[in-house]
Amino acid sequence: MKQSLCIISILLFSMAAGAVSAADDDLTATLSQIVENSLSAYNREDVSATLQSVHTKSPAYTRMQQALPDQFGTRDPRTELASLHYIGHDDEFAVARVKLKTVDQSGQPFAANILDTIAVFHQEDGKWKYWSHHVLGVEIVQ
């Protein structure tokens, strides 16, 4: 009897872990889409569309709103998602390690690089949006 209860407990735990994994997969896909949409807007040099993926109460929102137009002056930056590794979430925030590769096509001197960050996402009106990030490092690439 004890062995049966143990097996049932293990099976229930395994099923719950599978459900969490599926939910995590869904959230990973959602966060990746947020980053991809933001980068697409950024690469089109569309400040308004880029900011749509940022939580309006984010501590970075105003700073980004002011800085983005200057990034499109004489440069032609192109950024792509190199990788996104979902770390976890609680009832308010989701966290992922995000690597972004940026190159510049303007012909001006620029060091192509991969920016390695821990990105934090927060929901606004039921939608996940970028909240903040912490830079872990920058790798210069060819």
N, C-alpha and C. Protein backbone atom coordinates (compact mmCIF):
# COMPACT_ATOMS: atom_id res chain seq x y z
N MET A 1 0.82 -1.20 0.00
CA MET A 1 0.00 0.00 0.00
C MET A 1 0.86 1.26 0.00
N LYS A 2 1.90 1.27 0.89
CA LYS A 2 2.78 2.43 0.96
C LYS A 2 3.51 2.64 -0.36
N GLN A 3 3.91 1.52 -0.97
CA GLN A 3 4.61 1.60 -2.25
C GLN A 3 3.68 2.18 -3.32
N SER A 4 2.42 1.79 -3.31
CA SER A 4 1.45 2.31 -4.28
C SER A 4 1.25 3.81 -4.09
N LEU A 5 1.14 4.25 -2.83
CA LEU A 5 0.99 5.68 -2.56
C LEU A 5 2.21 6.46 -3.03
N CYS A 6 3.38 5.87 -2.82
CA CYS A 6 4.62 6.52 -3.26
C CYS A 6 4.64 6.66 -4.78
N ILE A 7 4.25 5.60 -5.48
CA ILE A 7 4.22 5.63 -6.95
C ILE A 7 3.19 6.65 -7.44
N ILE A 8 2.02 6.68 -6.81
CA ILE A 8 0.99 7.65 -7.18
C ILE A 8 1.50 9.08 -6.95
N SER A 9 2.18 9.30 -5.84
CA SER A 9 2.73 10.64 -5.54
C SER A 9 3.76 11.05 -6.58
N ILE A 10 4.61 10.12 -6.96
CA ILE A 10 5.63 10.41 -7.98
C ILE A 10 4.97 10.74 -9.31
N LEU A 11 3.95 9.96 -9.69
CA LEU A 11 3.24 10.21 -10.95
C LEU A 11 2.55 11.58 -10.94
N LEU A 12 1.90 11.91 -9.81
CA LEU A 12 1.24 13.22 -9.71
C LEU A 12 2.25 14.35 -9.78
N PHE A 13 3.39 14.18 -9.11
CA PHE A 13 4.43 15.19 -9.15
C PHE A 13 4.96 15.36 -10.57
N SER A 14 5.17 14.23 -11.26
CA SER A 14 5.66 14.28 -12.64
C SER A 14 4.68 14.98 -13.56
N MET A 15 3.39 14.71 -13.37
CA MET A 15 2.37 15.37 -14.19
C MET A 15 2.33 16.86 -13.91
N ALA A 16 2.46 17.24 -12.65
CA ALA A 16 2.47 18.67 -12.30
C ALA A 16 3.70 19.34 -12.87
N ALA A 17 4.84 18.66 -12.81
CA ALA A 17 6.06 19.23 -13.37
C ALA A 17 5.93 19.41 -14.87
N GLY A 18 5.25 18.47 -15.55
CA GLY A 18 5.02 18.59 -16.99
C GLY A 18 4.15 19.79 -17.30
N ALA A 19 3.14 20.03 -16.47
CA ALA A 19 2.24 21.17 -16.68
C ALA A 19 2.99 22.48 -16.49
N VAL A 20 3.85 22.53 -15.49
CA VAL A 20 4.65 23.73 -15.27
C VAL A 20 5.57 23.94 -16.46
N SER A 21 6.15 22.87 -16.96
CA SER A 21 7.04 22.97 -18.10
C SER A 21 6.32 23.51 -19.33
N ALA A 22 5.11 23.03 -19.57
CA ALA A 22 4.34 23.52 -20.71
C ALA A 22 4.01 25.00 -20.53
N ALA A 23 3.66 25.41 -19.32
CA ALA A 23 3.38 26.82 -19.05
C ALA A 23 4.64 27.65 -19.24
N ASP A 24 5.77 27.10 -18.79
CA ASP A 24 7.04 27.80 -18.97
C ASP A 24 7.38 27.93 -20.45
N ASP A 25 7.11 26.88 -21.22
CA ASP A 25 7.35 26.94 -22.67
C ASP A 25 6.51 28.03 -23.31
N ASP A 26 5.26 28.14 -22.89
CA ASP A 26 4.37 29.17 -23.42
C ASP A 26 4.89 30.56 -23.06
N LEU A 27 5.33 30.73 -21.81
CA LEU A 27 5.85 32.03 -21.39
C LEU A 27 7.15 32.35 -22.11
N THR A 28 7.99 31.36 -22.31
CA THR A 28 9.23 31.57 -23.06
C THR A 28 8.93 32.06 -24.47
N ALA A 29 7.95 31.44 -25.11
CA ALA A 29 7.56 31.85 -26.47
C ALA A 29 7.00 33.28 -26.45
N THR A 30 6.22 33.61 -25.43
CA THR A 30 5.66 34.96 -25.31
C THR A 30 6.76 35.98 -25.14
N LEU A 31 7.71 35.72 -24.25
CA LEU A 31 8.82 36.66 -24.02
C LEU A 31 9.68 36.81 -25.27
N SER A 32 9.93 35.71 -25.95
CA SER A 32 10.71 35.77 -27.21
C SER A 32 9.99 36.64 -28.23
N GLN A 33 8.67 36.50 -28.32
CA GLN A 33 7.90 37.30 -29.28
C GLN A 33 7.96 38.78 -28.93
N ILE A 34 7.90 39.10 -27.63
CA ILE A 34 8.01 40.50 -27.20
C ILE A 34 9.35 41.07 -27.65
N VAL A 35 10.41 40.33 -27.42
CA VAL A 35 11.75 40.81 -27.82
C VAL A 35 11.82 40.94 -29.33
N GLU A 36 11.33 39.94 -30.07
CA GLU A 36 11.37 39.99 -31.54
C GLU A 36 10.58 41.18 -32.07
N ASN A 37 9.38 41.42 -31.53
CA ASN A 37 8.57 42.56 -31.97
C ASN A 37 9.27 43.88 -31.69
N SER A 38 9.87 43.98 -30.52
CA SER A 38 10.59 45.20 -30.16
C SER A 38 11.78 45.43 -31.09
N LEU A 39 12.52 44.36 -31.38
CA LEU A 39 13.68 44.49 -32.27
C LEU A 39 13.26 44.81 -33.70
N SER A 40 12.17 44.25 -34.14
CA SER A 40 11.66 44.56 -35.47
C SER A 40 11.33 46.05 -35.58
N ALA A 41 10.65 46.58 -34.57
CA ALA A 41 10.33 48.02 -34.56
C ALA A 41 11.60 48.86 -34.46
N TYR A 42 12.54 48.42 -33.65
CA TYR A 42 13.81 49.14 -33.50
C TYR A 42 14.56 49.16 -34.83
N ASN A 43 14.60 48.05 -35.50
CA ASN A 43 15.32 47.97 -36.78
C ASN A 43 14.64 48.81 -37.87
N ARG A 44 13.34 49.07 -37.71
CA ARG A 44 12.62 49.96 -38.64
C ARG A 44 12.79 51.43 -38.20
N GLU A 45 13.47 51.63 -37.07
CA GLU A 45 13.68 52.96 -36.48
C GLU A 45 12.35 53.61 -36.10
N ASP A 46 11.43 52.79 -35.62
CA ASP A 46 10.11 53.24 -35.22
C ASP A 46 10.06 53.33 -33.69
N VAL A 47 10.30 54.53 -33.18
CA VAL A 47 10.38 54.75 -31.73
C VAL A 47 9.06 54.37 -31.05
N SER A 48 7.96 54.83 -31.59
CA SER A 48 6.65 54.57 -30.99
C SER A 48 6.37 53.07 -30.89
N ALA A 49 6.60 52.34 -31.96
CA ALA A 49 6.36 50.89 -31.96
C ALA A 49 7.34 50.18 -31.03
N THR A 50 8.57 50.64 -30.96
CA THR A 50 9.54 50.04 -30.05
C THR A 50 9.08 50.18 -28.61
N LEU A 51 8.57 51.36 -28.27
CA LEU A 51 8.13 51.62 -26.90
C LEU A 51 6.86 50.86 -26.53
N GLN A 52 6.11 50.36 -27.51
CA GLN A 52 4.90 49.60 -27.20
C GLN A 52 5.20 48.31 -26.45
N SER A 53 6.44 47.81 -26.57
CA SER A 53 6.81 46.58 -25.87
C SER A 53 7.38 46.86 -24.48
N VAL A 54 7.44 48.14 -24.09
CA VAL A 54 7.99 48.53 -22.80
C VAL A 54 6.86 48.95 -21.87
N HIS A 55 6.88 48.45 -20.66
CA HIS A 55 5.88 48.80 -19.64
C HIS A 55 5.97 50.31 -19.38
N THR A 56 4.84 51.00 -19.43
CA THR A 56 4.85 52.47 -19.30
C THR A 56 5.29 52.94 -17.92
N LYS A 57 5.23 52.07 -16.92
CA LYS A 57 5.68 52.45 -15.58
C LYS A 57 7.10 51.95 -15.30
N SER A 58 7.74 51.40 -16.30
CA SER A 58 9.11 50.92 -16.16
C SER A 58 10.04 52.08 -15.84
N PRO A 59 11.01 51.85 -14.95
CA PRO A 59 11.98 52.90 -14.67
C PRO A 59 12.80 53.29 -15.91
N ALA A 60 12.80 52.45 -16.92
CA ALA A 60 13.57 52.73 -18.14
C ALA A 60 12.75 53.42 -19.23
N TYR A 61 11.43 53.51 -19.07
CA TYR A 61 10.56 53.99 -20.15
C TYR A 61 10.94 55.40 -20.62
N THR A 62 10.99 56.36 -19.72
CA THR A 62 11.29 57.75 -20.11
C THR A 62 12.69 57.86 -20.70
N ARG A 63 13.64 57.16 -20.09
CA ARG A 63 15.02 57.19 -20.59
C ARG A 63 15.08 56.64 -22.01
N MET A 64 14.37 55.54 -22.26
CA MET A 64 14.36 54.95 -23.60
C MET A 64 13.66 55.88 -24.59
N GLN A 65 12.57 56.48 -24.16
CA GLN A 65 11.81 57.39 -25.01
C GLN A 65 12.70 58.55 -25.48
N GLN A 66 13.55 59.03 -24.61
CA GLN A 66 14.45 60.14 -24.94
C GLN A 66 15.66 59.69 -25.74
N ALA A 67 16.17 58.49 -25.46
CA ALA A 67 17.42 58.04 -26.09
C ALA A 67 17.23 57.42 -27.48
N LEU A 68 16.10 56.79 -27.72
CA LEU A 68 15.92 56.08 -28.99
C LEU A 68 16.09 56.96 -30.23
N PRO A 69 15.49 58.14 -30.31
CA PRO A 69 15.65 58.93 -31.54
C PRO A 69 17.12 59.25 -31.86
N ASP A 70 17.95 59.44 -30.85
CA ASP A 70 19.36 59.74 -31.07
C ASP A 70 20.12 58.56 -31.65
N GLN A 71 19.64 57.36 -31.41
CA GLN A 71 20.33 56.17 -31.90
C GLN A 71 20.16 55.98 -33.39
N PHE A 72 19.22 56.70 -33.98
CA PHE A 72 18.94 56.53 -35.39
C PHE A 72 19.47 57.67 -36.25
N GLY A 73 20.24 58.57 -35.66
CA GLY A 73 20.75 59.72 -36.40
C GLY A 73 21.56 59.34 -37.62
N THR A 74 22.85 59.17 -37.47
CA THR A 74 23.73 58.87 -38.60
C THR A 74 24.07 57.39 -38.68
N ARG A 75 23.67 56.64 -37.72
CA ARG A 75 23.96 55.20 -37.70
C ARG A 75 22.79 54.41 -38.30
N ASP A 76 23.08 53.18 -38.65
CA ASP A 76 22.06 52.27 -39.14
C ASP A 76 22.18 50.96 -38.37
N PRO A 77 21.79 51.00 -37.07
CA PRO A 77 21.96 49.80 -36.24
C PRO A 77 20.94 48.72 -36.61
N ARG A 78 21.38 47.49 -36.54
CA ARG A 78 20.51 46.34 -36.75
C ARG A 78 20.77 45.38 -35.60
N THR A 79 19.72 45.05 -34.88
CA THR A 79 19.86 44.16 -33.74
C THR A 79 18.97 42.95 -33.93
N GLU A 80 19.49 41.78 -33.56
CA GLU A 80 18.72 40.55 -33.65
C GLU A 80 18.86 39.79 -32.34
N LEU A 81 17.86 38.98 -32.06
CA LEU A 81 17.88 38.14 -30.88
C LEU A 81 18.84 36.98 -31.12
N ALA A 82 19.91 36.94 -30.35
CA ALA A 82 20.87 35.84 -30.46
C ALA A 82 20.39 34.64 -29.65
N SER A 83 19.84 34.90 -28.47
CA SER A 83 19.28 33.82 -27.66
C SER A 83 18.43 34.38 -26.53
N LEU A 84 17.49 33.57 -26.09
CA LEU A 84 16.69 33.90 -24.92
C LEU A 84 16.55 32.63 -24.11
N HIS A 85 16.99 32.69 -22.87
CA HIS A 85 16.89 31.55 -21.96
C HIS A 85 16.00 31.96 -20.80
N TYR A 86 14.82 31.39 -20.75
CA TYR A 86 13.86 31.67 -19.69
C TYR A 86 14.41 31.19 -18.35
N ILE A 87 14.36 32.04 -17.34
CA ILE A 87 14.85 31.68 -16.01
C ILE A 87 13.70 31.33 -15.07
N GLY A 88 12.65 32.16 -15.04
CA GLY A 88 11.53 31.87 -14.17
C GLY A 88 10.61 33.06 -14.02
N HIS A 89 9.58 32.89 -13.19
CA HIS A 89 8.64 33.98 -12.94
C HIS A 89 7.98 33.80 -11.59
N ASP A 90 7.41 34.87 -11.09
CA ASP A 90 6.54 34.80 -9.93
C ASP A 90 5.21 35.42 -10.34
N ASP A 91 4.40 35.86 -9.40
CA ASP A 91 3.10 36.40 -9.77
C ASP A 91 3.17 37.78 -10.39
N GLU A 92 4.34 38.43 -10.38
CA GLU A 92 4.48 39.78 -10.94
C GLU A 92 5.47 39.88 -12.10
N PHE A 93 6.60 39.22 -11.98
CA PHE A 93 7.69 39.41 -12.92
C PHE A 93 8.14 38.09 -13.55
N ALA A 94 8.64 38.18 -14.78
CA ALA A 94 9.28 37.06 -15.46
C ALA A 94 10.72 37.49 -15.77
N VAL A 95 11.62 36.53 -15.74
CA VAL A 95 13.04 36.84 -15.93
C VAL A 95 13.62 35.91 -16.98
N ALA A 96 14.46 36.47 -17.86
CA ALA A 96 15.12 35.67 -18.89
C ALA A 96 16.52 36.24 -19.14
N ARG A 97 17.41 35.37 -19.53
CA ARG A 97 18.72 35.82 -19.99
C ARG A 97 18.59 36.03 -21.49
N VAL A 98 18.87 37.25 -21.92
CA VAL A 98 18.68 37.62 -23.31
C VAL A 98 19.99 38.12 -23.89
N LYS A 99 20.36 37.56 -25.04
CA LYS A 99 21.56 38.01 -25.76
C LYS A 99 21.11 38.64 -27.08
N LEU A 100 21.59 39.85 -27.33
CA LEU A 100 21.24 40.61 -28.53
C LEU A 100 22.50 40.90 -29.34
N LYS A 101 22.46 40.61 -30.61
CA LYS A 101 23.59 40.90 -31.50
C LYS A 101 23.28 42.16 -32.29
N THR A 102 24.20 43.13 -32.22
CA THR A 102 24.01 44.40 -32.93
C THR A 102 25.16 44.63 -33.89
N VAL A 103 24.81 45.01 -35.11
CA VAL A 103 25.76 45.42 -36.13
C VAL A 103 25.31 46.78 -36.64
N ASP A 104 26.21 47.51 -37.25
CA ASP A 104 25.86 48.81 -37.80
C ASP A 104 26.19 48.79 -39.29
N GLN A 105 25.22 49.20 -40.10
CA GLN A 105 25.39 49.15 -41.55
C GLN A 105 25.63 50.52 -42.16
N SER A 106 25.98 51.51 -41.32
CA SER A 106 26.15 52.86 -41.83
C SER A 106 27.51 53.07 -42.49
N GLY A 107 28.44 52.15 -42.25
CA GLY A 107 29.78 52.33 -42.78
C GLY A 107 30.68 53.09 -41.82
N GLN A 108 30.14 53.63 -40.77
CA GLN A 108 30.93 54.32 -39.76
C GLN A 108 31.58 53.29 -38.84
N PRO A 109 32.68 53.67 -38.21
CA PRO A 109 33.32 52.73 -37.28
C PRO A 109 32.33 52.29 -36.19
N PHE A 110 32.24 50.98 -36.02
CA PHE A 110 31.34 50.41 -35.02
C PHE A 110 31.80 48.99 -34.72
N ALA A 111 31.81 48.62 -33.47
CA ALA A 111 32.20 47.27 -33.07
C ALA A 111 30.94 46.43 -32.92
N ALA A 112 30.74 45.53 -33.88
CA ALA A 112 29.61 44.60 -33.77
C ALA A 112 29.76 43.85 -32.46
N ASN A 113 28.63 43.62 -31.79
CA ASN A 113 28.73 43.04 -30.46
C ASN A 113 27.50 42.20 -30.12
N ILE A 114 27.69 41.40 -29.07
CA ILE A 114 26.58 40.66 -28.47
C ILE A 114 26.46 41.16 -27.04
N LEU A 115 25.31 41.72 -26.75
CA LEU A 115 25.00 42.24 -25.42
C LEU A 115 24.32 41.12 -24.64
N ASP A 116 24.88 40.76 -23.50
CA ASP A 116 24.36 39.69 -22.65
C ASP A 116 23.67 40.34 -21.46
N THR A 117 22.36 40.08 -21.30
CA THR A 117 21.59 40.74 -20.25
C THR A 117 20.71 39.76 -19.48
N ILE A 118 20.32 40.20 -18.30
CA ILE A 118 19.21 39.58 -17.59
C ILE A 118 18.06 40.56 -17.77
N ALA A 119 17.01 40.12 -18.44
CA ALA A 119 15.86 40.98 -18.73
C ALA A 119 14.70 40.62 -17.81
N VAL A 120 14.01 41.66 -17.36
CA VAL A 120 12.86 41.49 -16.48
C VAL A 120 11.63 41.99 -17.23
N PHE A 121 10.54 41.21 -17.16
CA PHE A 121 9.29 41.54 -17.82
C PHE A 121 8.20 41.65 -16.76
N HIS A 122 7.22 42.50 -17.02
CA HIS A 122 6.12 42.73 -16.08
C HIS A 122 4.84 42.92 -16.90
N GLN A 123 3.72 42.46 -16.38
CA GLN A 123 2.48 42.59 -17.14
C GLN A 123 1.87 43.99 -16.99
N GLU A 124 1.34 44.47 -18.11
CA GLU A 124 0.59 45.73 -18.13
C GLU A 124 -0.68 45.45 -18.91
N ASP A 125 -1.83 45.66 -18.29
CA ASP A 125 -3.12 45.38 -18.91
C ASP A 125 -3.19 43.96 -19.45
N GLY A 126 -2.64 43.01 -18.69
CA GLY A 126 -2.71 41.61 -19.06
C GLY A 126 -1.70 41.15 -20.10
N LYS A 127 -0.79 42.03 -20.51
CA LYS A 127 0.21 41.66 -21.52
C LYS A 127 1.60 41.82 -20.92
N TRP A 128 2.46 40.83 -21.20
CA TRP A 128 3.84 40.93 -20.75
C TRP A 128 4.56 42.00 -21.55
N LYS A 129 5.34 42.81 -20.84
CA LYS A 129 6.13 43.85 -21.48
C LYS A 129 7.49 43.93 -20.80
N TYR A 130 8.44 44.48 -21.53
CA TYR A 130 9.78 44.68 -21.00
C TYR A 130 9.71 45.64 -19.81
N TRP A 131 10.39 45.33 -18.72
CA TRP A 131 10.44 46.18 -17.53
C TRP A 131 11.83 46.79 -17.36
N SER A 132 12.86 45.95 -17.32
CA SER A 132 14.22 46.46 -17.14
C SER A 132 15.21 45.37 -17.54
N HIS A 133 16.48 45.73 -17.51
CA HIS A 133 17.52 44.73 -17.77
C HIS A 133 18.79 45.10 -17.01
N HIS A 134 19.61 44.11 -16.84
CA HIS A 134 20.92 44.30 -16.23
C HIS A 134 21.94 43.71 -17.18
N VAL A 135 22.92 44.51 -17.57
CA VAL A 135 23.94 44.05 -18.51
C VAL A 135 24.95 43.15 -17.77
N LEU A 136 25.11 41.95 -18.29
CA LEU A 136 26.09 41.01 -17.74
C LEU A 136 27.44 41.17 -18.43
N GLY A 137 27.40 41.55 -19.70
CA GLY A 137 28.65 41.70 -20.43
C GLY A 137 28.39 42.01 -21.89
N VAL A 138 29.47 42.37 -22.57
CA VAL A 138 29.43 42.66 -24.01
C VAL A 138 30.59 41.93 -24.66
N GLU A 139 30.27 41.18 -25.72
CA GLU A 139 31.28 40.46 -26.47
C GLU A 139 31.40 41.10 -27.85
N ILE A 140 32.60 41.50 -28.21
CA ILE A 140 32.84 42.06 -29.55
C ILE A 140 32.95 40.90 -30.52
N VAL A 141 32.22 41.00 -31.64
CA VAL A 141 32.21 39.93 -32.64
C VAL A 141 32.55 40.49 -34.01
N GLN A 142 32.87 39.60 -34.92
CA GLN A 142 33.21 40.00 -36.30
C GLN A 142 31.96 40.04 -37.15
